[in-house]
N, C-alpha and C. Protein backbone atom coordinates (compact mmCIF):
# COMPACT_ATOMS: atom_id res chain seq x y z
N UNK A 1 17.71 -4.32 5.44
CA UNK A 1 16.38 -5.78 5.19
C UNK A 1 15.37 -5.95 4.19
N UNK A 2 15.14 -6.74 3.24
CA UNK A 2 14.81 -5.97 1.66
C UNK A 2 13.66 -7.06 2.03
N UNK A 3 12.33 -6.77 1.98
CA UNK A 3 10.69 -6.53 1.99
C UNK A 3 10.66 -7.58 0.81
N UNK A 4 9.93 -9.11 1.65
CA UNK A 4 9.70 -9.80 0.24
C UNK A 4 8.25 -9.89 0.32
N UNK A 5 8.54 -9.43 -1.63
CA UNK A 5 7.34 -8.49 -1.76
C UNK A 5 6.34 -10.00 -1.68
N UNK A 6 6.80 -10.98 -1.95
CA UNK A 6 5.94 -11.88 -2.96
C UNK A 6 4.18 -12.50 -1.41
N UNK A 7 5.33 -12.64 -0.69
CA UNK A 7 4.72 -12.72 0.51
C UNK A 7 2.98 -12.04 1.37
N UNK A 8 3.05 -10.72 0.86
CA UNK A 8 2.50 -9.92 0.29
C UNK A 8 0.84 -9.61 -0.35
N UNK A 9 -0.73 -9.59 -0.24
CA UNK A 9 -0.36 -9.04 -1.50
C UNK A 9 -1.38 -7.98 -1.60
N UNK A 10 -0.52 -7.12 -1.41
CA UNK A 10 -0.92 -5.00 -2.02
C UNK A 10 0.67 -5.16 -2.54
N UNK A 11 1.03 -4.65 -3.18
CA UNK A 11 2.45 -4.13 -3.75
C UNK A 11 2.94 -2.40 -2.84
N UNK A 12 2.38 -2.00 -0.73
CA UNK A 12 2.01 -1.05 -1.93
C UNK A 12 3.26 -0.37 -0.83
N UNK A 13 3.70 -2.06 -0.02
CA UNK A 13 5.67 -1.95 0.58
C UNK A 13 6.52 -0.98 -0.75
N UNK A 14 6.71 -1.85 -1.41
CA UNK A 14 7.72 -1.51 -3.37
C UNK A 14 7.26 -0.14 -3.01
N UNK A 15 5.71 0.07 -3.47
CA UNK A 15 5.83 1.58 -3.98
C UNK A 15 6.36 2.49 -3.20
N UNK A 16 6.05 2.47 -1.77
CA UNK A 16 6.58 3.36 -1.01
C UNK A 16 9.01 3.36 -0.53
N UNK A 17 9.02 1.45 -0.64
CA UNK A 17 10.67 1.51 -0.43
C UNK A 17 10.62 2.65 -1.63
N UNK A 18 10.15 2.90 -3.08
CA UNK A 18 11.29 3.33 -3.93
C UNK A 18 11.29 5.13 -3.95
N UNK A 19 10.80 5.00 -2.84
CA UNK A 19 10.15 6.97 -2.74
C UNK A 19 11.66 7.38 -2.18
N UNK A 20 12.64 8.45 -1.67
CA UNK A 20 12.74 9.38 -1.07
C UNK A 20 12.78 9.06 0.60
N UNK A 21 13.65 9.13 1.04
CA UNK A 21 12.75 8.73 2.66
C UNK A 21 12.05 9.83 2.96
N UNK A 22 12.52 11.06 2.22
CA UNK A 22 11.80 12.37 2.78
C UNK A 22 10.14 12.10 2.29
N UNK A 23 9.88 11.44 0.81
CA UNK A 23 8.87 11.07 0.38
C UNK A 23 7.73 10.25 0.97
N UNK A 24 8.46 9.45 1.65
CA UNK A 24 8.10 8.67 2.64
C UNK A 24 7.57 8.63 3.37
N UNK A 25 8.04 9.35 4.58
CA UNK A 25 6.92 10.47 5.44
C UNK A 25 6.05 11.16 5.02
N UNK A 26 6.10 11.69 4.30
CA UNK A 26 5.32 12.79 3.46
C UNK A 26 3.55 11.33 3.42
N UNK A 27 4.25 10.52 2.95
CA UNK A 27 2.67 9.10 1.86
C UNK A 27 2.67 8.44 3.40
N UNK A 28 3.21 8.38 4.52
CA UNK A 28 3.37 7.18 6.00
C UNK A 28 2.00 8.45 6.34
N UNK A 29 1.81 9.53 6.35
CA UNK A 29 0.94 9.99 7.48
C UNK A 29 -0.11 11.44 5.55
N UNK A 30 -0.01 11.18 4.72
CA UNK A 30 -0.70 11.77 4.24
C UNK A 30 -2.31 10.99 3.63
N UNK A 31 -1.19 9.54 3.21
CA UNK A 31 -2.16 8.32 2.41
C UNK A 31 -3.73 8.23 3.13
N UNK A 32 -3.01 7.82 4.68
CA UNK A 32 -3.84 6.98 5.84
C UNK A 32 -5.63 8.54 5.89
N UNK A 33 -4.83 9.23 5.76
CA UNK A 33 -6.45 10.78 5.10
C UNK A 33 -6.98 10.49 5.20
N UNK A 34 -5.95 10.38 3.54
CA UNK A 34 -6.65 10.30 1.91
C UNK A 34 -7.93 9.07 1.94
N UNK A 35 -6.69 7.97 2.80
CA UNK A 35 -8.04 6.44 2.63
C UNK A 35 -9.27 6.33 3.66
N UNK A 36 -9.11 8.07 5.02
CA UNK A 36 -9.83 7.87 5.98
C UNK A 36 -9.08 6.85 7.36
N UNK A 37 -8.91 6.25 6.78
CA UNK A 37 -8.01 5.04 8.37
C UNK A 37 -6.66 6.10 8.61
N UNK A 38 -6.71 4.91 10.26
CA UNK A 38 -6.19 5.62 11.14
C UNK A 38 -4.13 4.96 10.20
N UNK A 39 -3.40 5.54 10.71
CA UNK A 39 -2.44 5.14 10.32
C UNK A 39 -1.82 3.27 10.70
N UNK A 40 -2.52 3.24 12.15
CA UNK A 40 -1.74 1.62 12.56
C UNK A 40 -2.21 1.02 11.37
N UNK A 41 -4.02 1.72 10.84
CA UNK A 41 -4.80 0.22 9.43
C UNK A 41 -3.56 0.91 8.39
N UNK A 42 -3.00 1.72 8.01
CA UNK A 42 -3.27 1.67 6.51
C UNK A 42 -0.80 0.73 6.80
N UNK A 43 -0.67 0.96 8.34
CA UNK A 43 0.68 0.37 8.03
C UNK A 43 0.04 -1.59 7.82
N UNK A 44 -1.13 -1.90 8.45
CA UNK A 44 -1.90 -3.65 8.93
C UNK A 44 -1.87 -3.38 7.63
N UNK A 45 -2.59 -2.71 6.52
CA UNK A 45 -3.49 -2.76 4.58
C UNK A 45 -1.70 -3.30 4.36
N UNK A 46 -0.81 -2.58 4.69
CA UNK A 46 0.80 -3.01 3.91
C UNK A 46 0.90 -4.14 4.02
N UNK A 47 0.73 -4.25 4.76
CA UNK A 47 1.18 -6.46 5.52
C UNK A 47 -0.10 -7.49 6.01
N UNK A 48 -0.78 -7.11 4.37
CA UNK A 48 -1.95 -8.36 4.92
C UNK A 48 -1.40 -8.91 3.51
N UNK A 49 -0.31 -10.18 4.21
CA UNK A 49 -0.39 -11.39 3.64
C UNK A 49 -1.40 -11.93 2.62
N UNK A 50 -0.78 -12.41 1.32
CA UNK A 50 -1.53 -13.83 0.98
C UNK A 50 -2.53 -14.60 1.11
N UNK A 51 -3.77 -14.94 0.99
CA UNK A 51 -4.78 -16.42 1.72
C UNK A 51 -4.90 -15.28 1.82
N UNK A 52 -4.97 -14.24 3.37
CA UNK A 52 -5.93 -13.55 4.62
C UNK A 52 -6.87 -13.96 3.60
N UNK A 53 -7.84 -13.20 4.83
CA UNK A 53 -9.03 -12.25 3.64
C UNK A 53 -9.34 -11.24 3.56
N UNK A 54 -8.51 -10.72 4.85
CA UNK A 54 -8.24 -8.37 4.81
C UNK A 54 -7.60 -8.97 3.33
N UNK A 55 -9.00 -7.36 2.79
CA UNK A 55 -8.50 -7.47 1.29
C UNK A 55 -8.55 -5.46 1.30
N UNK A 56 -8.80 -4.70 0.62
CA UNK A 56 -8.57 -3.51 0.46
C UNK A 56 -9.60 -2.50 -0.04
N UNK A 57 -10.21 -2.04 -0.46
CA UNK A 57 -10.96 -1.57 -1.26
C UNK A 57 -10.47 -0.87 -1.92
N UNK A 58 -11.99 -1.39 -3.31
CA UNK A 58 -11.32 -1.08 -4.75
C UNK A 58 -10.95 0.46 -4.53
N UNK A 59 -12.72 1.37 -4.08
CA UNK A 59 -11.88 2.72 -3.72
C UNK A 59 -11.30 2.85 -3.02
N UNK A 60 -10.52 2.31 -2.15
CA UNK A 60 -9.19 2.63 -1.23
C UNK A 60 -7.45 2.46 -2.17
N UNK A 61 -7.57 1.31 -3.84
CA UNK A 61 -6.96 0.81 -4.42
C UNK A 61 -7.04 1.70 -5.47
N UNK A 62 -7.61 3.00 -5.24
CA UNK A 62 -7.54 3.41 -6.51
C UNK A 62 -7.15 5.64 -6.51
N UNK A 63 -7.39 5.53 -4.77
CA UNK A 63 -6.94 6.64 -3.73
C UNK A 63 -5.33 6.77 -3.87
N UNK A 64 -4.87 5.04 -4.07
CA UNK A 64 -3.39 4.30 -3.70
C UNK A 64 -2.65 4.45 -4.97
N UNK A 65 -3.13 3.88 -5.76
CA UNK A 65 -2.99 4.03 -7.56
C UNK A 65 -3.02 5.55 -7.89
N UNK A 66 -3.90 6.57 -7.18
CA UNK A 66 -3.72 7.48 -7.85
C UNK A 66 -1.85 8.66 -7.67
N UNK A 67 -2.42 7.99 -5.83
CA UNK A 67 -0.46 8.45 -6.07
C UNK A 67 0.28 8.27 -5.38
N UNK A 68 0.43 6.74 -6.43
CA UNK A 68 1.81 6.03 -6.48
C UNK A 68 1.74 6.73 -8.01
N UNK A 69 0.46 7.05 -8.62
CA UNK A 69 1.19 7.05 -10.13
C UNK A 69 0.84 5.77 -10.80
N UNK A 70 0.05 4.76 -10.50
CA UNK A 70 -0.08 2.98 -11.51
C UNK A 70 -1.03 3.13 -11.62
N UNK A 71 -1.04 2.07 -12.06
CA UNK A 71 -2.57 2.19 -12.11
C UNK A 71 -3.38 0.42 -11.27
N UNK A 72 -3.99 -0.04 -10.53
CA UNK A 72 -5.15 -0.48 -8.91
C UNK A 72 -3.81 -2.14 -9.37
N UNK A 73 -4.31 -2.23 -10.90
CA UNK A 73 -3.00 -3.82 -10.91
C UNK A 73 -1.83 -3.72 -10.33
N UNK A 74 -0.66 -2.73 -10.48
CA UNK A 74 0.00 -2.68 -10.42
C UNK A 74 0.68 -2.77 -8.67
N UNK A 75 -0.74 -2.78 -8.08
CA UNK A 75 -0.66 -2.99 -6.24
C UNK A 75 -0.90 -4.28 -6.08
N UNK A 76 -1.37 -4.81 -7.18
CA UNK A 76 -2.11 -6.28 -6.40
C UNK A 76 -0.79 -7.30 -6.91
N UNK A 77 0.14 -7.66 -5.50
CA UNK A 77 0.86 -8.55 -6.42
C UNK A 77 -0.11 -10.18 -6.34
N UNK A 78 -1.33 -10.69 -6.14
CA UNK A 78 -1.91 -11.80 -6.66
C UNK A 78 -2.58 -11.80 -8.20
N UNK A 79 -2.77 -12.95 -7.96
CA UNK A 79 -3.90 -13.33 -9.22
C UNK A 79 -4.62 -13.45 -9.06
């Protein structure tokens, strides 16, 4: 099932979907460690909806952007 990216505050899921299955599994292991959070917190961060008060801190967004080889702005899904 295709994920509706416009519902979520961040484009992390879209970035993960673009990876091969093997690389996605690795990313789901490595990224929580790099961010200093649990796997469940990382998963929850991927599903923050637009309008929710929860946010990912700028330093963690930069780590994600570095991993995906993009700019922080490319991870944001709202104006």
